[in-house]
């Protein structure tokens, strides 16, 4: 997340003041850098429907913005393609800064991010399958080596071929499964 200052100044109490565009933001907050007291201003979201048509929408039930709360922007306005900005009035005569919290990536990038995450998860799963098969293969191979030493004792080398045959077939199946997991 990043923050972007969308207003810095002293609002004129006689007129409506607008912030910069807050399109794409998920929340707003306000600070008053020159004072330590809590202050409150009348605040609305303004939607630009067209070049000549705007709509004021309340950000919360009180139609206010104050210095002690972070206000989430309603989801329906986070996803809109319309230009959106803050409109407010204040007769306090105090300098205020209004900040917008903006996600690092735009919502348009979200499907690509999800797809990339799924590819990484499939690759991780394929690696885990390959590691498990490798561990099984090593166990079988160690069994085969043990069986191949049997001729020195009692001629038990007949156990070597079935063990290796099973290992090769199991490895081929696991590799095919791992390859399927990596397909887009």
C-alpha atoms as a PDB file:
ATOM      1  CA  UNK A   1       0.000   0.000   0.000  1.00  0.00           C
ATOM      2  CA  UNK A   2       1.061   3.551  -0.641  1.00  0.00           C
ATOM      3  CA  UNK A   3      -0.333   6.858   0.514  1.00  0.00           C
ATOM      4  CA  UNK A   4      -0.911   9.861  -1.694  1.00  0.00           C
ATOM      5  CA  UNK A   5      -1.633  13.369  -0.435  1.00  0.00           C
ATOM      6  CA  UNK A   6      -4.702  14.594  -2.301  1.00  0.00           C
ATOM      7  CA  UNK A   7      -5.151  17.916  -0.490  1.00  0.00           C
ATOM      8  CA  UNK A   8      -2.898  20.280   1.483  1.00  0.00           C
ATOM      9  CA  UNK A   9      -4.123  23.727   2.463  1.00  0.00           C
ATOM     10  CA  UNK A  10      -6.527  25.835   4.478  1.00  0.00           C
ATOM     11  CA  UNK A  11     -10.085  25.434   3.189  1.00  0.00           C
ATOM     12  CA  UNK A  12     -12.099  28.566   2.556  1.00  0.00           C
ATOM     13  CA  UNK A  13     -15.232  28.287   4.684  1.00  0.00           C
ATOM     14  CA  UNK A  14     -17.354  30.191   2.165  1.00  0.00           C
ATOM     15  CA  UNK A  15     -16.948  27.701  -0.686  1.00  0.00           C
ATOM     16  CA  UNK A  16     -16.626  24.004  -1.458  1.00  0.00           C
ATOM     17  CA  UNK A  17     -13.055  22.750  -1.709  1.00  0.00           C
ATOM     18  CA  UNK A  18     -12.098  19.720  -3.823  1.00  0.00           C
ATOM     19  CA  UNK A  19      -9.272  17.229  -3.383  1.00  0.00           C
ATOM     20  CA  UNK A  20      -7.253  15.809  -6.237  1.00  0.00           C
ATOM     21  CA  UNK A  21      -8.602  12.636  -7.837  1.00  0.00           C
ATOM     22  CA  UNK A  22      -8.834   9.684  -5.465  1.00  0.00           C
ATOM     23  CA  UNK A  23      -9.788   7.128  -8.118  1.00  0.00           C
ATOM     24  CA  UNK A  24      -8.345   3.730  -7.164  1.00  0.00           C
ATOM     25  CA  UNK A  25      -8.003   4.586  -3.462  1.00  0.00           C
ATOM     26  CA  UNK A  26      -9.393   2.257  -0.803  1.00  0.00           C
ATOM     27  CA  UNK A  27      -9.442   4.638   2.185  1.00  0.00           C
ATOM     28  CA  UNK A  28      -8.977   8.282   3.237  1.00  0.00           C
ATOM     29  CA  UNK A  29      -7.657   9.979   6.336  1.00  0.00           C
ATOM     30  CA  UNK A  30      -6.996  13.557   7.399  1.00  0.00           C
ATOM     31  CA  UNK A  31      -4.338  15.210   9.522  1.00  0.00           C
ATOM     32  CA  UNK A  32      -4.007  18.757  10.849  1.00  0.00           C
ATOM     33  CA  UNK A  33      -0.219  19.239  11.054  1.00  0.00           C
ATOM     34  CA  UNK A  34      -0.338  22.561  12.918  1.00  0.00           C
ATOM     35  CA  UNK A  35      -2.536  21.533  15.868  1.00  0.00           C
ATOM     36  CA  UNK A  36      -2.869  18.575  18.199  1.00  0.00           C
ATOM     37  CA  UNK A  37      -6.641  18.781  18.709  1.00  0.00           C
ATOM     38  CA  UNK A  38      -9.115  16.658  16.816  1.00  0.00           C
ATOM     39  CA  UNK A  39     -10.853  18.519  14.011  1.00  0.00           C
ATOM     40  CA  UNK A  40     -13.746  17.604  11.776  1.00  0.00           C
ATOM     41  CA  UNK A  41     -14.878  18.825   8.379  1.00  0.00           C
ATOM     42  CA  UNK A  42     -18.026  18.227   6.311  1.00  0.00           C
ATOM     43  CA  UNK A  43     -16.956  15.795   3.607  1.00  0.00           C
ATOM     44  CA  UNK A  44     -18.517  14.052   0.583  1.00  0.00           C
ATOM     45  CA  UNK A  45     -17.273  11.904  -2.245  1.00  0.00           C
ATOM     46  CA  UNK A  46     -17.913  13.501  -5.609  1.00  0.00           C
ATOM     47  CA  UNK A  47     -18.469  11.266  -8.637  1.00  0.00           C
ATOM     48  CA  UNK A  48     -17.894  12.770 -12.055  1.00  0.00           C
ATOM     49  CA  UNK A  49     -20.699  11.191 -14.113  1.00  0.00           C
ATOM     50  CA  UNK A  50     -19.868  13.288 -17.173  1.00  0.00           C
ATOM     51  CA  UNK A  51     -18.072  16.543 -17.966  1.00  0.00           C
ATOM     52  CA  UNK A  52     -21.123  18.487 -16.773  1.00  0.00           C
ATOM     53  CA  UNK A  53     -22.782  16.102 -14.295  1.00  0.00           C
ATOM     54  CA  UNK A  54     -21.497  15.271 -10.774  1.00  0.00           C
ATOM     55  CA  UNK A  55     -23.005  13.443  -7.815  1.00  0.00           C
ATOM     56  CA  UNK A  56     -22.202  14.005  -4.142  1.00  0.00           C
ATOM     57  CA  UNK A  57     -22.149  10.769  -2.123  1.00  0.00           C
ATOM     58  CA  UNK A  58     -21.644  10.587   1.615  1.00  0.00           C
ATOM     59  CA  UNK A  59     -18.533   8.782   2.821  1.00  0.00           C
ATOM     60  CA  UNK A  60     -20.179   7.934   6.172  1.00  0.00           C
ATOM     61  CA  UNK A  61     -23.446   8.498   8.075  1.00  0.00           C
ATOM     62  CA  UNK A  62     -22.253  11.821   9.532  1.00  0.00           C
ATOM     63  CA  UNK A  63     -21.033  13.348   6.255  1.00  0.00           C
ATOM     64  CA  UNK A  64     -17.732  14.153   7.994  1.00  0.00           C
ATOM     65  CA  UNK A  65     -14.033  13.467   7.945  1.00  0.00           C
ATOM     66  CA  UNK A  66     -12.004  13.899  11.130  1.00  0.00           C
ATOM     67  CA  UNK A  67      -8.414  13.532  12.240  1.00  0.00           C
ATOM     68  CA  UNK A  68      -8.816  10.377  14.347  1.00  0.00           C
ATOM     69  CA  UNK A  69     -10.408   7.919  11.901  1.00  0.00           C
ATOM     70  CA  UNK A  70      -9.362   6.195   8.685  1.00  0.00           C
ATOM     71  CA  UNK A  71     -12.417   6.075   6.437  1.00  0.00           C
ATOM     72  CA  UNK A  72     -12.746   3.168   3.988  1.00  0.00           C
ATOM     73  CA  UNK A  73     -14.114   4.113   0.596  1.00  0.00           C
ATOM     74  CA  UNK A  74     -17.179   1.962  -0.184  1.00  0.00           C
ATOM     75  CA  UNK A  75     -16.343  -0.974  -2.474  1.00  0.00           C
ATOM     76  CA  UNK A  76     -18.693   0.138  -5.227  1.00  0.00           C
ATOM     77  CA  UNK A  77     -16.675   3.359  -5.564  1.00  0.00           C
ATOM     78  CA  UNK A  78     -13.308   1.578  -5.387  1.00  0.00           C
ATOM     79  CA  UNK A  79     -14.226  -0.398  -8.518  1.00  0.00           C
ATOM     80  CA  UNK A  80     -15.815   2.408 -10.517  1.00  0.00           C
ATOM     81  CA  UNK A  81     -14.346   3.724 -13.739  1.00  0.00           C
ATOM     82  CA  UNK A  82     -15.670   7.201 -12.912  1.00  0.00           C
ATOM     83  CA  UNK A  83     -13.387   9.933 -11.654  1.00  0.00           C
ATOM     84  CA  UNK A  84     -13.880  10.383  -7.923  1.00  0.00           C
ATOM     85  CA  UNK A  85     -12.619  13.075  -5.567  1.00  0.00           C
ATOM     86  CA  UNK A  86     -13.427  14.595  -2.197  1.00  0.00           C
ATOM     87  CA  UNK A  87     -15.578  17.700  -1.771  1.00  0.00           C
ATOM     88  CA  UNK A  88     -15.617  19.446   1.607  1.00  0.00           C
ATOM     89  CA  UNK A  89     -16.249  22.625   3.554  1.00  0.00           C
ATOM     90  CA  UNK A  90     -14.693  23.937   6.741  1.00  0.00           C
ATOM     91  CA  UNK A  91     -14.772  27.253   8.547  1.00  0.00           C
ATOM     92  CA  UNK A  92     -12.022  26.314  11.040  1.00  0.00           C
ATOM     93  CA  UNK A  93      -9.259  28.241   9.288  1.00  0.00           C
ATOM     94  CA  UNK A  94      -6.755  25.433   9.994  1.00  0.00           C
ATOM     95  CA  UNK A  95      -4.340  23.819   7.554  1.00  0.00           C
ATOM     96  CA  UNK A  96      -5.395  20.237   6.777  1.00  0.00           C
ATOM     97  CA  UNK A  97      -3.940  17.435   4.717  1.00  0.00           C
ATOM     98  CA  UNK A  98      -6.088  14.688   3.246  1.00  0.00           C
ATOM     99  CA  UNK A  99      -4.380  11.444   2.271  1.00  0.00           C
ATOM    100  CA  UNK A 100      -5.610   8.550   0.132  1.00  0.00           C
ATOM    101  CA  UNK A 101      -4.487   4.961   0.719  1.00  0.00           C
ATOM    102  CA  UNK A 102      -3.877   3.322  -2.638  1.00  0.00           C
ATOM    103  CA  UNK A 103      -3.030  -0.347  -3.323  1.00  0.00           C
ATOM    104  CA  UNK A 104       0.381  -0.968  -4.936  1.00  0.00           C
ATOM    105  CA  UNK A 105      -1.224  -2.655  -7.945  1.00  0.00           C
ATOM    106  CA  UNK A 106      -4.331  -1.525  -9.709  1.00  0.00           C
ATOM    107  CA  UNK A 107      -7.443  -3.675  -9.652  1.00  0.00           C
ATOM    108  CA  UNK A 108      -6.990  -4.242 -13.398  1.00  0.00           C
ATOM    109  CA  UNK A 109      -3.759  -6.140 -12.604  1.00  0.00           C
ATOM    110  CA  UNK A 110      -5.536  -8.473 -10.180  1.00  0.00           C
ATOM    111  CA  UNK A 111      -6.419 -11.264 -12.687  1.00  0.00           C
ATOM    112  CA  UNK A 112      -2.767 -11.388 -13.836  1.00  0.00           C
ATOM    113  CA  UNK A 113      -1.597 -11.541 -10.213  1.00  0.00           C
ATOM    114  CA  UNK A 114      -4.012 -14.394  -9.461  1.00  0.00           C
ATOM    115  CA  UNK A 115      -2.870 -16.316 -12.553  1.00  0.00           C
ATOM    116  CA  UNK A 116       0.801 -15.850 -11.603  1.00  0.00           C
ATOM    117  CA  UNK A 117       0.088 -17.038  -8.051  1.00  0.00           C
ATOM    118  CA  UNK A 118      -1.662 -20.157  -9.373  1.00  0.00           C
ATOM    119  CA  UNK A 119       1.294 -20.928 -11.672  1.00  0.00           C
ATOM    120  CA  UNK A 120       3.687 -20.623  -8.740  1.00  0.00           C
ATOM    121  CA  UNK A 121       1.484 -22.884  -6.612  1.00  0.00           C
ATOM    122  CA  UNK A 122       1.369 -25.511  -9.402  1.00  0.00           C
ATOM    123  CA  UNK A 123       5.155 -25.322  -9.731  1.00  0.00           C
ATOM    124  CA  UNK A 124       5.556 -25.742  -5.948  1.00  0.00           C
ATOM    125  CA  UNK A 125       3.214 -28.745  -6.013  1.00  0.00           C
ATOM    126  CA  UNK A 126       5.153 -30.285  -8.912  1.00  0.00           C
ATOM    127  CA  UNK A 127       8.412 -29.846  -6.977  1.00  0.00           C
ATOM    128  CA  UNK A 128       6.872 -31.470  -3.895  1.00  0.00           C
ATOM    129  CA  UNK A 129       5.655 -34.425  -5.997  1.00  0.00           C
ATOM    130  CA  UNK A 130       9.089 -34.796  -7.594  1.00  0.00           C
ATOM    131  CA  UNK A 131      10.782 -34.691  -4.178  1.00  0.00           C
ATOM    132  CA  UNK A 132       8.410 -37.324  -2.806  1.00  0.00           C
ATOM    133  CA  UNK A 133       9.035 -39.562  -5.819  1.00  0.00           C
ATOM    134  CA  UNK A 134      12.766 -39.031  -5.428  1.00  0.00           C
ATOM    135  CA  UNK A 135      12.564 -40.123  -1.793  1.00  0.00           C
ATOM    136  CA  UNK A 136      10.599 -43.235  -2.799  1.00  0.00           C
ATOM    137  CA  UNK A 137      13.058 -43.933  -5.618  1.00  0.00           C
ATOM    138  CA  UNK A 138      15.987 -43.666  -3.218  1.00  0.00           C
ATOM    139  CA  UNK A 139      14.307 -46.084  -0.813  1.00  0.00           C
ATOM    140  CA  UNK A 140      13.711 -48.571  -3.623  1.00  0.00           C
ATOM    141  CA  UNK A 141      17.263 -48.146  -4.948  1.00  0.00           C
ATOM    142  CA  UNK A 142      18.714 -48.721  -1.498  1.00  0.00           C
ATOM    143  CA  UNK A 143      16.572 -51.860  -1.280  1.00  0.00           C
ATOM    144  CA  UNK A 144      17.877 -52.962  -4.679  1.00  0.00           C
ATOM    145  CA  UNK A 145      21.472 -52.385  -3.617  1.00  0.00           C
ATOM    146  CA  UNK A 146      20.824 -54.444  -0.516  1.00  0.00           C
ATOM    147  CA  UNK A 147      19.276 -57.169  -2.650  1.00  0.00           C
ATOM    148  CA  UNK A 148      22.179 -57.079  -5.114  1.00  0.00           C
ATOM    149  CA  UNK A 149      24.565 -57.865  -2.264  1.00  0.00           C
ATOM    150  CA  UNK A 150      22.570 -61.003  -1.535  1.00  0.00           C
ATOM    151  CA  UNK A 151      24.579 -63.200  -4.004  1.00  0.00           C
ATOM    152  CA  UNK A 152      27.509 -62.806  -1.694  1.00  0.00           C
ATOM    153  CA  UNK A 153      25.497 -64.462   1.007  1.00  0.00           C
ATOM    154  CA  UNK A 154      22.756 -66.698  -0.365  1.00  0.00           C
ATOM    155  CA  UNK A 155      22.202 -65.883  -4.058  1.00  0.00           C
ATOM    156  CA  UNK A 156      19.201 -63.561  -3.574  1.00  0.00           C
ATOM    157  CA  UNK A 157      19.923 -61.401  -6.659  1.00  0.00           C
ATOM    158  CA  UNK A 158      16.560 -62.332  -8.166  1.00  0.00           C
ATOM    159  CA  UNK A 159      14.984 -59.580  -6.010  1.00  0.00           C
ATOM    160  CA  UNK A 160      16.906 -56.820  -7.832  1.00  0.00           C
ATOM    161  CA  UNK A 161      14.938 -56.767 -11.099  1.00  0.00           C
ATOM    162  CA  UNK A 162      11.422 -56.474  -9.635  1.00  0.00           C
ATOM    163  CA  UNK A 163      12.534 -53.657  -7.332  1.00  0.00           C
ATOM    164  CA  UNK A 164      14.066 -51.643 -10.184  1.00  0.00           C
ATOM    165  CA  UNK A 165      11.144 -52.355 -12.514  1.00  0.00           C
ATOM    166  CA  UNK A 166       8.691 -50.976  -9.957  1.00  0.00           C
ATOM    167  CA  UNK A 167      10.866 -47.946  -9.309  1.00  0.00           C
ATOM    168  CA  UNK A 168      11.086 -46.973 -12.971  1.00  0.00           C
ATOM    169  CA  UNK A 169       7.340 -47.293 -13.524  1.00  0.00           C
ATOM    170  CA  UNK A 170       6.573 -45.255 -10.379  1.00  0.00           C
ATOM    171  CA  UNK A 171       9.010 -42.530 -11.375  1.00  0.00           C
ATOM    172  CA  UNK A 172       7.553 -42.255 -14.896  1.00  0.00           C
ATOM    173  CA  UNK A 173       4.025 -41.878 -13.511  1.00  0.00           C
ATOM    174  CA  UNK A 174       5.103 -39.246 -11.003  1.00  0.00           C
ATOM    175  CA  UNK A 175       7.034 -37.249 -13.606  1.00  0.00           C
ATOM    176  CA  UNK A 176       3.994 -37.283 -15.923  1.00  0.00           C
ATOM    177  CA  UNK A 177       1.821 -36.022 -13.065  1.00  0.00           C
ATOM    178  CA  UNK A 178       4.322 -33.283 -12.222  1.00  0.00           C
ATOM    179  CA  UNK A 179       4.447 -32.200 -15.895  1.00  0.00           C
ATOM    180  CA  UNK A 180       0.638 -31.919 -15.990  1.00  0.00           C
ATOM    181  CA  UNK A 181       0.700 -29.675 -12.944  1.00  0.00           C
ATOM    182  CA  UNK A 182       3.089 -27.269 -14.687  1.00  0.00           C
ATOM    183  CA  UNK A 183       0.918 -26.884 -17.790  1.00  0.00           C
ATOM    184  CA  UNK A 184      -0.750 -23.425 -18.052  1.00  0.00           C
END
